[in-house]
């Protein structure tokens, strides 16, 4: 039996964690960015995602969308808590060092 849809082309991962497409990546994470700054930016991005999902959960199109939105909201909240805990730990380490 022939497949109707071909497999997508395999692309190696770039060092940024995104897939390469044969040209220079659109976005790069600079190697010289301090870890704390990167985590702080990730926390801010997660907060924006959380706020957006929370608003979307109030007006879902159907029950499946509602479940998917709430799962995404919960996962985003957990990721933000984890990033914030790491940041807090880094701050405590600097104070005691």
N, C-alpha and C. Protein backbone atom coordinates (compact mmCIF):
# COMPACT_ATOMS: atom_id res chain seq x y z
N UNK A 1 0.84 -1.18 0.00
CA UNK A 1 0.00 0.00 0.00
C UNK A 1 0.88 1.24 0.00
N UNK A 2 0.59 2.16 -0.88
CA UNK A 2 1.37 3.38 -0.97
C UNK A 2 0.87 4.40 0.04
N UNK A 3 1.82 5.13 0.61
CA UNK A 3 1.45 6.21 1.52
C UNK A 3 0.97 7.41 0.71
N UNK A 4 -0.12 8.00 1.15
CA UNK A 4 -0.64 9.18 0.45
C UNK A 4 0.16 10.43 0.78
N UNK A 5 0.68 10.48 2.00
CA UNK A 5 1.43 11.66 2.43
C UNK A 5 2.87 11.23 2.71
N UNK A 6 3.83 11.85 2.05
CA UNK A 6 5.22 11.47 2.28
C UNK A 6 5.69 11.93 3.66
N UNK A 7 6.72 11.25 4.17
CA UNK A 7 7.31 11.66 5.43
C UNK A 7 7.96 13.03 5.26
N UNK A 8 7.92 13.85 6.31
CA UNK A 8 8.59 15.15 6.19
C UNK A 8 10.09 14.95 6.11
N UNK A 9 10.77 15.89 5.48
CA UNK A 9 12.23 15.74 5.39
C UNK A 9 12.85 15.82 6.78
N UNK A 10 13.88 15.02 6.98
CA UNK A 10 14.56 15.06 8.27
C UNK A 10 15.53 16.22 8.27
N UNK A 11 15.48 16.99 9.31
CA UNK A 11 16.36 18.14 9.45
C UNK A 11 17.16 17.99 10.73
N UNK A 12 18.44 18.21 10.65
CA UNK A 12 19.23 18.13 11.88
C UNK A 12 18.87 19.28 12.81
N UNK A 13 19.05 19.05 14.10
CA UNK A 13 18.80 20.11 15.07
C UNK A 13 19.99 21.06 15.09
N UNK A 14 19.66 22.34 15.14
CA UNK A 14 20.71 23.35 15.30
C UNK A 14 21.09 23.37 16.77
N UNK A 15 22.15 24.06 17.10
CA UNK A 15 22.59 24.13 18.50
C UNK A 15 21.64 24.95 19.36
N UNK A 16 20.63 25.57 18.78
CA UNK A 16 19.67 26.35 19.55
C UNK A 16 18.46 25.52 19.96
N UNK A 17 18.39 24.26 19.54
CA UNK A 17 17.25 23.43 19.87
C UNK A 17 16.13 23.49 18.85
N UNK A 18 16.28 24.32 17.82
CA UNK A 18 15.27 24.39 16.76
C UNK A 18 15.77 23.62 15.56
N UNK A 19 14.87 23.28 14.67
CA UNK A 19 15.27 22.53 13.49
C UNK A 19 15.87 23.45 12.45
N UNK A 20 16.95 23.02 11.84
CA UNK A 20 17.59 23.78 10.76
C UNK A 20 16.78 23.55 9.48
N UNK A 21 16.75 24.53 8.64
CA UNK A 21 16.01 24.41 7.39
C UNK A 21 16.90 24.64 6.18
N UNK A 22 18.19 24.50 6.35
CA UNK A 22 19.10 24.69 5.22
C UNK A 22 19.63 26.10 5.10
N UNK A 23 19.13 27.03 5.88
CA UNK A 23 19.64 28.39 5.89
C UNK A 23 19.89 28.80 7.34
N UNK A 24 20.45 29.95 7.51
CA UNK A 24 20.74 30.41 8.87
C UNK A 24 19.44 30.52 9.67
N UNK A 25 19.49 30.16 10.96
CA UNK A 25 18.28 30.23 11.79
C UNK A 25 17.77 31.66 11.90
N UNK A 26 16.46 31.80 12.04
CA UNK A 26 15.86 33.12 12.20
C UNK A 26 16.15 33.69 13.58
N UNK A 27 16.16 32.82 14.57
CA UNK A 27 16.39 33.24 15.95
C UNK A 27 17.54 32.45 16.54
N UNK A 28 18.39 33.13 17.27
CA UNK A 28 19.51 32.48 17.94
C UNK A 28 19.55 32.90 19.39
N UNK A 29 20.05 32.01 20.23
CA UNK A 29 20.33 32.35 21.61
C UNK A 29 21.82 32.57 21.71
N UNK A 30 22.20 33.78 22.05
CA UNK A 30 23.63 34.10 22.13
C UNK A 30 24.27 33.34 23.29
N UNK A 31 25.47 32.86 23.07
CA UNK A 31 26.17 32.07 24.09
C UNK A 31 26.60 32.93 25.28
N UNK A 32 26.74 34.23 25.10
CA UNK A 32 27.26 35.07 26.18
C UNK A 32 26.16 35.66 27.08
N UNK A 33 24.90 35.26 26.90
CA UNK A 33 23.83 35.76 27.75
C UNK A 33 23.91 35.07 29.11
N UNK A 34 23.92 35.83 30.19
CA UNK A 34 23.97 35.21 31.52
C UNK A 34 22.74 34.33 31.75
N UNK A 35 22.95 33.21 32.44
CA UNK A 35 21.87 32.25 32.67
C UNK A 35 20.68 32.90 33.37
N UNK A 36 20.95 33.75 34.35
CA UNK A 36 19.87 34.38 35.10
C UNK A 36 19.02 35.27 34.19
N UNK A 37 19.65 35.99 33.27
CA UNK A 37 18.91 36.84 32.34
C UNK A 37 18.05 35.99 31.40
N UNK A 38 18.60 34.87 30.93
CA UNK A 38 17.84 33.98 30.04
C UNK A 38 16.64 33.41 30.77
N UNK A 39 16.83 32.99 32.01
CA UNK A 39 15.72 32.45 32.79
C UNK A 39 14.67 33.52 33.08
N UNK A 40 15.10 34.73 33.36
CA UNK A 40 14.16 35.82 33.62
C UNK A 40 13.31 36.09 32.38
N UNK A 41 13.94 36.08 31.21
CA UNK A 41 13.20 36.30 29.97
C UNK A 41 12.22 35.15 29.73
N UNK A 42 12.67 33.92 29.99
CA UNK A 42 11.77 32.76 29.84
C UNK A 42 10.58 32.88 30.77
N UNK A 43 10.81 33.35 31.99
CA UNK A 43 9.73 33.53 32.95
C UNK A 43 8.72 34.57 32.45
N UNK A 44 9.21 35.66 31.90
CA UNK A 44 8.32 36.69 31.36
C UNK A 44 7.51 36.17 30.17
N UNK A 45 8.15 35.39 29.30
CA UNK A 45 7.44 34.80 28.17
C UNK A 45 6.36 33.84 28.65
N UNK A 46 6.70 33.01 29.64
CA UNK A 46 5.73 32.07 30.19
C UNK A 46 4.55 32.79 30.83
N UNK A 47 4.82 33.92 31.49
CA UNK A 47 3.74 34.70 32.09
C UNK A 47 2.78 35.21 31.01
N UNK A 48 3.33 35.67 29.90
CA UNK A 48 2.48 36.14 28.80
C UNK A 48 1.65 35.01 28.20
N UNK A 49 2.26 33.83 28.04
CA UNK A 49 1.53 32.67 27.53
C UNK A 49 0.41 32.30 28.50
N UNK A 50 0.74 32.28 29.79
CA UNK A 50 -0.25 31.95 30.82
C UNK A 50 -1.44 32.90 30.76
N UNK A 51 -1.16 34.20 30.71
CA UNK A 51 -2.24 35.19 30.67
C UNK A 51 -3.12 35.01 29.43
N UNK A 52 -2.49 34.74 28.28
CA UNK A 52 -3.24 34.54 27.04
C UNK A 52 -4.11 33.30 27.12
N UNK A 53 -3.55 32.19 27.61
CA UNK A 53 -4.32 30.96 27.72
C UNK A 53 -5.46 31.10 28.71
N UNK A 54 -5.21 31.82 29.79
CA UNK A 54 -6.25 32.01 30.80
C UNK A 54 -7.46 32.73 30.19
N UNK A 55 -7.20 33.73 29.38
CA UNK A 55 -8.30 34.44 28.70
C UNK A 55 -8.99 33.54 27.69
N UNK A 56 -8.22 32.73 26.97
CA UNK A 56 -8.79 31.82 25.98
C UNK A 56 -9.66 30.75 26.64
N UNK A 57 -9.31 30.35 27.86
CA UNK A 57 -10.10 29.33 28.58
C UNK A 57 -11.50 29.83 28.91
N UNK A 58 -11.67 31.12 28.98
CA UNK A 58 -12.98 31.68 29.31
C UNK A 58 -13.96 31.62 28.14
N UNK A 59 -13.43 31.47 26.92
CA UNK A 59 -14.28 31.46 25.73
C UNK A 59 -13.89 30.34 24.76
N UNK A 60 -13.93 29.08 25.21
CA UNK A 60 -13.56 27.99 24.30
C UNK A 60 -14.66 27.74 23.26
N UNK A 61 -14.25 27.21 22.11
CA UNK A 61 -15.21 26.93 21.04
C UNK A 61 -16.02 25.67 21.33
N UNK A 62 -15.38 24.67 21.93
CA UNK A 62 -16.08 23.42 22.25
C UNK A 62 -15.39 22.77 23.45
N UNK A 63 -15.90 21.63 23.89
CA UNK A 63 -15.36 20.99 25.09
C UNK A 63 -13.93 20.47 24.87
N UNK A 64 -13.62 20.02 23.66
CA UNK A 64 -12.26 19.55 23.38
C UNK A 64 -11.28 20.71 23.46
N UNK A 65 -11.65 21.83 22.88
CA UNK A 65 -10.79 23.02 22.95
C UNK A 65 -10.58 23.44 24.40
N UNK A 66 -11.64 23.36 25.18
CA UNK A 66 -11.55 23.77 26.58
C UNK A 66 -10.55 22.90 27.32
N UNK A 67 -10.60 21.59 27.12
CA UNK A 67 -9.67 20.67 27.77
C UNK A 67 -8.24 20.97 27.35
N UNK A 68 -8.03 21.15 26.05
CA UNK A 68 -6.68 21.43 25.55
C UNK A 68 -6.15 22.74 26.10
N UNK A 69 -7.00 23.74 26.17
CA UNK A 69 -6.58 25.03 26.72
C UNK A 69 -6.20 24.92 28.19
N UNK A 70 -7.01 24.20 28.96
CA UNK A 70 -6.70 24.06 30.39
C UNK A 70 -5.42 23.25 30.62
N UNK A 71 -5.19 22.22 29.80
CA UNK A 71 -3.95 21.45 29.92
C UNK A 71 -2.75 22.33 29.59
N UNK A 72 -2.88 23.14 28.54
CA UNK A 72 -1.80 24.06 28.16
C UNK A 72 -1.56 25.09 29.25
N UNK A 73 -2.63 25.60 29.82
CA UNK A 73 -2.52 26.58 30.90
C UNK A 73 -1.79 25.97 32.09
N UNK A 74 -2.17 24.76 32.46
CA UNK A 74 -1.55 24.08 33.60
C UNK A 74 -0.06 23.83 33.35
N UNK A 75 0.28 23.35 32.15
CA UNK A 75 1.68 23.08 31.81
C UNK A 75 2.51 24.36 31.82
N UNK A 76 1.94 25.44 31.31
CA UNK A 76 2.64 26.73 31.31
C UNK A 76 2.89 27.20 32.73
N UNK A 77 1.88 27.05 33.57
CA UNK A 77 2.03 27.47 34.96
C UNK A 77 3.12 26.66 35.67
N UNK A 78 3.17 25.35 35.43
CA UNK A 78 4.21 24.51 36.03
C UNK A 78 5.60 24.91 35.54
N UNK A 79 5.72 25.19 34.24
CA UNK A 79 7.01 25.61 33.69
C UNK A 79 7.45 26.93 34.31
N UNK A 80 6.53 27.86 34.48
CA UNK A 80 6.87 29.15 35.08
C UNK A 80 7.30 28.98 36.54
N UNK A 81 6.60 28.15 37.29
CA UNK A 81 6.98 27.90 38.68
C UNK A 81 8.38 27.30 38.75
N UNK A 82 8.68 26.38 37.85
CA UNK A 82 10.01 25.77 37.82
C UNK A 82 11.09 26.79 37.51
N UNK A 83 10.88 27.62 36.49
CA UNK A 83 11.86 28.65 36.13
C UNK A 83 12.03 29.64 37.28
N UNK A 84 10.93 30.05 37.89
CA UNK A 84 11.01 31.00 39.00
C UNK A 84 11.73 30.40 40.21
N UNK A 85 11.53 29.10 40.46
CA UNK A 85 12.23 28.44 41.57
C UNK A 85 13.74 28.41 41.32
N UNK A 86 14.13 28.16 40.08
CA UNK A 86 15.56 28.19 39.73
C UNK A 86 16.12 29.59 39.93
N UNK A 87 15.38 30.59 39.48
CA UNK A 87 15.82 31.98 39.67
C UNK A 87 15.96 32.32 41.15
N UNK A 88 14.99 31.91 41.95
CA UNK A 88 15.07 32.16 43.39
C UNK A 88 16.29 31.47 44.00
N UNK A 89 16.55 30.26 43.58
CA UNK A 89 17.71 29.53 44.06
C UNK A 89 19.01 30.19 43.66
N UNK A 90 19.06 30.75 42.45
CA UNK A 90 20.26 31.46 41.99
C UNK A 90 20.46 32.71 42.82
N UNK A 91 19.38 33.39 43.16
CA UNK A 91 19.47 34.59 43.97
C UNK A 91 19.95 34.28 45.38
N UNK A 92 19.46 33.19 45.95
CA UNK A 92 19.88 32.79 47.30
C UNK A 92 21.35 32.37 47.32
N UNK A 93 21.78 31.74 46.23
CA UNK A 93 23.17 31.29 46.13
C UNK A 93 24.10 32.50 46.10
N UNK A 94 23.69 33.59 45.42
CA UNK A 94 24.52 34.78 45.34
C UNK A 94 24.62 35.48 46.69
N UNK A 95 23.51 35.45 47.44
CA UNK A 95 23.50 36.13 48.74
C UNK A 95 24.41 35.42 49.72
N UNK A 96 24.40 34.09 49.71
CA UNK A 96 25.20 33.32 50.66
C UNK A 96 26.64 33.16 50.22
N UNK A 97 26.92 33.38 48.95
CA UNK A 97 28.29 33.17 48.43
C UNK A 97 29.23 34.29 48.84
